[in-house]
Protein backbone atom coordinates (compact mmCIF):
# COMPACT_ATOMS: atom_id res chain seq x y z
CA MET A 1 83.04 91.11 105.30
CA THR A 2 85.44 91.15 102.36
CA THR A 3 88.00 88.44 101.82
CA SER A 4 90.27 87.42 98.99
CA PRO A 5 88.91 85.08 96.30
CA ASN A 6 89.46 81.38 96.80
CA VAL A 7 92.92 80.35 95.65
CA THR A 8 92.92 77.25 93.49
CA ARG A 9 96.61 76.49 93.94
CA LEU A 10 98.97 77.62 96.67
CA ILE A 11 102.48 78.48 95.58
CA SER A 12 105.37 76.80 97.38
CA VAL A 13 109.12 76.77 96.99
CA ARG A 14 110.27 74.00 94.70
CA ALA A 15 113.27 73.33 92.51
CA ARG A 16 112.78 74.16 88.84
CA LYS A 17 114.84 72.59 86.08
CA SER A 18 118.36 72.08 87.40
CA THR A 19 118.48 75.32 89.38
CA SER A 20 119.70 75.06 92.94
CA GLY A 21 120.77 77.37 95.73
CA ALA A 22 119.44 80.92 96.08
CA GLU A 23 118.03 81.16 92.56
CA ALA A 24 115.60 78.29 93.12
CA TYR A 25 113.90 80.25 95.90
CA PHE A 26 113.59 83.48 93.93
CA GLN A 27 112.14 81.72 90.88
CA GLU A 28 108.83 81.52 92.74
CA PHE A 29 108.46 85.30 92.97
CA PRO A 30 107.11 86.07 89.46
CA GLU A 31 104.29 83.53 89.72
CA LEU A 32 103.32 84.74 93.16
CA LEU A 33 103.37 88.35 91.97
CA GLU A 34 100.90 87.43 89.23
CA ASN A 35 98.53 85.92 91.78
CA LEU A 36 98.58 88.55 94.53
CA PRO A 37 95.09 89.80 95.52
CA TYR A 38 95.65 93.36 94.29
CA PRO A 39 92.00 94.47 94.70
CA SER A 40 92.14 93.48 98.38
CA ILE A 41 95.38 95.41 98.87
CA ASP A 42 93.83 98.47 97.21
CA ALA A 43 90.82 98.13 99.52
CA VAL A 44 93.15 98.22 102.54
CA ILE A 45 94.80 101.37 101.20
CA ASP A 46 91.36 102.96 100.84
CA ALA A 47 90.38 101.91 104.37
CA LEU A 48 93.53 103.41 105.90
CA TRP A 49 93.12 106.59 103.87
CA GLU A 50 89.58 106.90 105.22
CA ALA A 51 90.84 106.30 108.77
CA TYR A 52 93.48 108.99 108.34
CA GLN A 53 90.93 111.47 107.01
CA GLN A 54 88.69 110.81 110.01
CA ASP A 55 91.63 111.02 112.45
CA ARG A 56 91.13 107.42 113.60
CA ALA A 57 93.85 105.37 115.26
CA LEU A 58 95.52 102.32 113.71
CA PHE A 59 96.73 99.42 115.87
CA VAL A 60 99.07 96.79 114.37
CA PHE A 61 100.15 93.46 115.87
CA GLY A 62 101.54 90.00 115.13
CA ASN A 63 103.81 87.25 116.50
CA GLY A 64 107.45 86.46 115.77
CA GLY A 65 108.49 87.84 112.39
CA SER A 66 105.03 89.37 112.12
CA ALA A 67 105.65 91.21 115.41
CA ALA A 68 108.76 92.74 113.86
CA LEU A 69 106.75 93.67 110.78
CA ALA A 70 104.09 95.27 112.98
CA SER A 71 106.80 97.53 114.44
CA HIS A 72 108.23 98.20 110.98
CA SER A 73 104.84 99.01 109.50
CA ALA A 74 103.86 101.25 112.41
CA CYS A 75 107.12 103.17 111.88
CA ASP A 76 106.44 103.57 108.17
CA LEU A 77 102.83 104.61 108.59
CA GLY A 78 103.37 106.77 111.68
CA LYS A 79 106.58 108.58 110.76
CA GLY A 80 106.89 108.00 107.02
CA THR A 81 103.55 109.65 106.25
CA ALA A 82 104.50 112.81 108.20
CA VAL A 83 105.01 114.98 105.12
CA ASN A 84 105.87 118.68 105.40
CA GLY A 85 103.74 119.51 108.38
CA ASN A 86 100.57 117.56 107.51
CA ARG A 87 98.42 116.09 110.26
CA ARG A 88 99.98 112.88 111.61
CA PHE A 89 98.52 109.39 111.29
CA ARG A 90 98.02 107.96 114.79
CA VAL A 91 99.61 104.50 114.56
CA LEU A 92 100.68 102.15 117.36
CA SER A 93 102.30 98.71 117.27
CA LEU A 94 100.95 96.55 120.10
CA THR A 95 104.11 94.42 120.02
CA ASP A 96 106.44 97.16 121.28
CA ASN A 97 105.52 97.51 124.97
CA VAL A 98 107.45 94.54 126.35
CA ALA A 99 106.55 95.26 129.97
CA LEU A 100 102.82 95.37 129.21
CA MET A 101 102.88 92.29 126.98
CA THR A 102 104.77 90.19 129.51
CA ALA A 103 102.54 91.40 132.34
CA TRP A 104 99.41 90.20 130.54
CA ALA A 105 101.12 86.97 129.49
CA ASN A 106 102.37 86.26 133.01
CA ASP A 107 99.32 87.35 135.01
CA GLN A 108 96.64 86.14 132.62
CA HIS A 109 97.56 84.30 129.41
CA TYR A 110 99.66 84.86 126.31
CA SER A 111 96.53 84.55 124.20
CA ASP A 112 95.35 87.85 125.75
CA VAL A 113 98.41 90.06 125.11
CA PHE A 114 96.76 91.91 122.21
CA ALA A 115 93.13 91.61 123.22
CA GLU A 116 93.68 93.26 126.60
CA GLN A 117 95.57 96.16 125.04
CA LEU A 118 92.74 96.67 122.58
CA ARG A 119 90.15 96.62 125.38
CA THR A 120 91.90 99.73 126.66
CA LEU A 121 92.75 101.47 123.38
CA ALA A 122 90.32 100.58 120.59
CA ARG A 123 87.41 102.89 119.87
CA PRO A 124 84.59 102.72 117.31
CA ASN A 125 85.83 103.21 113.75
CA ASP A 126 89.49 102.84 114.69
CA VAL A 127 91.37 100.31 112.55
CA VAL A 128 93.13 97.14 113.67
CA LEU A 129 95.67 95.45 111.37
CA ALA A 130 96.54 91.88 112.38
CA ILE A 131 99.49 90.12 110.69
CA SER A 132 99.69 86.32 110.85
CA GLY A 133 101.28 83.87 108.43
CA SER A 134 98.89 81.06 109.34
CA GLY A 135 95.89 83.16 110.33
CA ASN A 136 95.25 80.81 113.25
CA SER A 137 97.22 82.18 116.23
CA GLU A 138 94.95 82.38 119.25
CA ASN A 139 96.16 85.77 120.43
CA ILE A 140 95.58 87.19 116.94
CA LEU A 141 92.03 85.83 116.85
CA ASN A 142 91.29 87.13 120.34
CA GLY A 143 92.61 90.55 119.42
CA LEU A 144 90.44 90.71 116.32
CA GLN A 145 87.38 89.61 118.28
CA VAL A 146 87.88 92.34 120.90
CA ALA A 147 88.42 94.91 118.14
CA ARG A 148 85.12 93.93 116.52
CA GLU A 149 83.35 94.18 119.87
CA ALA A 150 84.78 97.69 120.24
CA GLY A 151 83.40 98.70 116.85
CA ALA A 152 86.80 98.95 115.19
CA ARG A 153 87.39 98.02 111.57
CA THR A 154 89.45 94.83 111.28
CA ILE A 155 92.04 94.11 108.61
CA GLY A 156 94.08 90.94 108.21
CA LEU A 157 97.32 90.11 106.41
CA THR A 158 97.88 86.36 106.20
CA GLY A 159 98.77 83.43 103.93
CA PHE A 160 97.89 79.81 103.10
CA ASN A 161 94.06 79.81 102.84
CA GLY A 162 93.55 82.68 105.30
CA GLY A 163 93.01 80.56 108.40
CA LYS A 164 90.37 81.46 110.96
CA MET A 165 91.27 85.13 111.03
CA LYS A 166 89.69 85.86 107.64
CA PHE A 167 86.28 85.30 109.21
CA LEU A 168 87.01 88.02 111.79
CA CYS A 169 88.24 90.57 109.25
CA ASP A 170 86.33 93.20 107.33
CA LEU A 171 89.19 93.10 104.83
CA CYS A 172 91.73 90.30 104.50
CA VAL A 173 94.77 90.11 102.22
CA VAL A 174 95.74 86.46 101.76
CA ILE A 175 99.12 85.73 100.18
CA PRO A 176 98.46 82.65 97.99
CA ALA A 177 101.40 80.54 99.17
CA ASN A 178 101.94 77.62 101.53
CA ASN A 179 105.55 78.46 102.38
CA MET A 180 105.94 80.69 105.44
CA GLN A 181 109.08 82.42 104.15
CA LEU A 182 107.39 83.38 100.88
CA ILE A 183 104.37 84.60 102.83
CA GLU A 184 106.54 86.74 105.10
CA ASP A 185 108.51 88.14 102.15
CA PHE A 186 105.34 89.30 100.49
CA HIS A 187 103.85 90.60 103.74
CA VAL A 188 106.72 93.09 103.84
CA ALA A 189 106.16 94.04 100.20
CA VAL A 190 102.41 94.48 100.73
CA THR A 191 102.89 96.72 103.76
CA HIS A 192 105.41 98.81 101.80
CA SER A 193 102.93 99.15 98.95
CA ILE A 194 100.23 100.27 101.39
CA PHE A 195 102.60 102.76 103.02
CA ILE A 196 103.83 104.32 99.77
CA ASN A 197 100.33 104.75 98.39
CA LEU A 198 99.05 106.24 101.63
CA ARG A 199 102.04 108.57 101.93
CA ASP A 200 101.44 109.84 98.39
CA ARG A 201 97.74 110.46 99.05
CA ILE A 202 98.51 112.39 102.22
CA ALA A 203 101.18 114.43 100.45
CA GLN A 204 98.83 115.28 97.59
CA ALA A 205 95.98 116.20 99.92
CA SER A 206 98.25 118.57 101.86
CA GLY A 207 99.51 120.21 98.69
CA ASN A 208 102.95 118.66 98.86
CA GLY A 209 102.56 115.92 96.27
């Protein structure tokens, strides 16, 4: 299991000098950029490239803002990598079937909304990407556990110190911050970086790069 190195100091939003308002928030970006776990992000790109080459499926999920990012990322990776007739990447966001999610939540428990979908869908060597700011949401942990039982490769995108999910992930990208908004900002940037790199690899492999 590969995780990010231990972070000695988590970055949080704080006022610097006499700056106030919007600028105070954005002043934290350069320091956080310097401390992003770039080798871990590159490892995720490699893992998704391998999954694409082997025609494996990718399942993405999260709660709240991370649920929206799961949909966004699935759109990028599923449609955005469809370059000039190349083979498509099979990507599905588990947050998008409202009827199925609410059925599992109502009839069983909300902690099972992702796990039960993965019991049906996940196959050996598929890839599961879980997005969680805290890394401790029960339904995220349950989903990762079921994915591991199915023989899927598990990837996490989280913040703070990684939470419990990093122990269930083969690869885990931990944003070194203790402010949820900063974490979510950089989750979007990381998923865009992954998408762009994967799109370029697919385009080059199909002779369209």
